[in-house]
């Protein structure tokens, strides 16, 4: 699993972005990919899959 930090997450719209620790790239996250609720600046572990518009974080959990 990869690790990173939540840059932004909009609870109302159900999506946001995580900054990957390894490559410092933004990865899209949707609420359907969450194991735990997340907030801005949370440290998270996640897996990455190819989505319709790029990389998506799934199985996202706070660490």
C-alpha atoms as a PDB file:
ATOM      1  CA  UNK A   1       0.000   0.000   0.000  1.00  0.00           C
ATOM      2  CA  UNK A   2       1.054   3.572  -0.636  1.00  0.00           C
ATOM      3  CA  UNK A   3       0.998   6.318   1.965  1.00  0.00           C
ATOM      4  CA  UNK A   4       0.239  10.000   1.709  1.00  0.00           C
ATOM      5  CA  UNK A   5      -1.524  13.023   3.124  1.00  0.00           C
ATOM      6  CA  UNK A   6      -5.025  14.281   2.356  1.00  0.00           C
ATOM      7  CA  UNK A   7      -4.637  17.599   0.549  1.00  0.00           C
ATOM      8  CA  UNK A   8      -8.341  18.316   0.199  1.00  0.00           C
ATOM      9  CA  UNK A   9     -11.606  16.463   0.812  1.00  0.00           C
ATOM     10  CA  UNK A  10     -15.099  17.877   0.260  1.00  0.00           C
ATOM     11  CA  UNK A  11     -17.535  15.840   2.387  1.00  0.00           C
ATOM     12  CA  UNK A  12     -20.568  17.394   0.674  1.00  0.00           C
ATOM     13  CA  UNK A  13     -19.430  16.424  -2.832  1.00  0.00           C
ATOM     14  CA  UNK A  14     -17.719  13.211  -1.694  1.00  0.00           C
ATOM     15  CA  UNK A  15     -14.317  13.594  -3.313  1.00  0.00           C
ATOM     16  CA  UNK A  16     -10.860  15.048  -2.829  1.00  0.00           C
ATOM     17  CA  UNK A  17      -7.149  14.533  -3.427  1.00  0.00           C
ATOM     18  CA  UNK A  18      -4.293  12.771  -1.662  1.00  0.00           C
ATOM     19  CA  UNK A  19      -0.632  13.708  -2.114  1.00  0.00           C
ATOM     20  CA  UNK A  20       1.397  10.515  -2.577  1.00  0.00           C
ATOM     21  CA  UNK A  21       4.507  10.368  -0.346  1.00  0.00           C
ATOM     22  CA  UNK A  22       6.706   8.694  -2.988  1.00  0.00           C
ATOM     23  CA  UNK A  23       6.114  10.878  -6.045  1.00  0.00           C
ATOM     24  CA  UNK A  24       4.339  13.887  -4.474  1.00  0.00           C
ATOM     25  CA  UNK A  25       1.607  13.593  -7.103  1.00  0.00           C
ATOM     26  CA  UNK A  26      -2.088  14.305  -6.537  1.00  0.00           C
ATOM     27  CA  UNK A  27      -4.321  11.245  -6.617  1.00  0.00           C
ATOM     28  CA  UNK A  28      -8.097  11.546  -6.839  1.00  0.00           C
ATOM     29  CA  UNK A  29     -10.150   9.949  -4.055  1.00  0.00           C
ATOM     30  CA  UNK A  30     -13.918   9.380  -4.045  1.00  0.00           C
ATOM     31  CA  UNK A  31     -15.971   8.559  -0.966  1.00  0.00           C
ATOM     32  CA  UNK A  32     -16.741   5.096  -2.394  1.00  0.00           C
ATOM     33  CA  UNK A  33     -13.021   4.272  -2.012  1.00  0.00           C
ATOM     34  CA  UNK A  34     -12.866   5.080   1.708  1.00  0.00           C
ATOM     35  CA  UNK A  35     -12.505   2.571   4.531  1.00  0.00           C
ATOM     36  CA  UNK A  36     -12.451   5.357   7.165  1.00  0.00           C
ATOM     37  CA  UNK A  37     -13.709   8.934   7.014  1.00  0.00           C
ATOM     38  CA  UNK A  38     -10.905  11.313   6.064  1.00  0.00           C
ATOM     39  CA  UNK A  39     -10.233  15.008   6.513  1.00  0.00           C
ATOM     40  CA  UNK A  40      -7.706  17.499   5.220  1.00  0.00           C
ATOM     41  CA  UNK A  41      -4.151  16.778   6.495  1.00  0.00           C
ATOM     42  CA  UNK A  42      -4.933  13.185   7.616  1.00  0.00           C
ATOM     43  CA  UNK A  43      -2.163  10.638   7.020  1.00  0.00           C
ATOM     44  CA  UNK A  44      -3.549   7.753   4.968  1.00  0.00           C
ATOM     45  CA  UNK A  45      -2.632   4.413   3.436  1.00  0.00           C
ATOM     46  CA  UNK A  46      -4.256   3.451   0.128  1.00  0.00           C
ATOM     47  CA  UNK A  47      -4.078   1.456  -3.073  1.00  0.00           C
ATOM     48  CA  UNK A  48      -4.106   3.006  -6.539  1.00  0.00           C
ATOM     49  CA  UNK A  49      -6.164   1.960  -9.555  1.00  0.00           C
ATOM     50  CA  UNK A  50      -6.582   3.445 -13.031  1.00  0.00           C
ATOM     51  CA  UNK A  51      -9.816   5.422 -13.204  1.00  0.00           C
ATOM     52  CA  UNK A  52     -11.657   7.099 -16.068  1.00  0.00           C
ATOM     53  CA  UNK A  53      -9.644  10.326 -15.731  1.00  0.00           C
ATOM     54  CA  UNK A  54      -6.404   9.084 -14.175  1.00  0.00           C
ATOM     55  CA  UNK A  55      -5.279   7.487 -10.943  1.00  0.00           C
ATOM     56  CA  UNK A  56      -7.803   6.856  -8.159  1.00  0.00           C
ATOM     57  CA  UNK A  57      -7.075   6.032  -4.525  1.00  0.00           C
ATOM     58  CA  UNK A  58      -9.091   3.117  -3.126  1.00  0.00           C
ATOM     59  CA  UNK A  59      -9.164   1.210   0.175  1.00  0.00           C
ATOM     60  CA  UNK A  60      -8.191   4.503   1.854  1.00  0.00           C
ATOM     61  CA  UNK A  61      -7.679   4.273   5.601  1.00  0.00           C
ATOM     62  CA  UNK A  62      -6.288   6.677   8.204  1.00  0.00           C
ATOM     63  CA  UNK A  63      -2.943   5.771   9.751  1.00  0.00           C
END
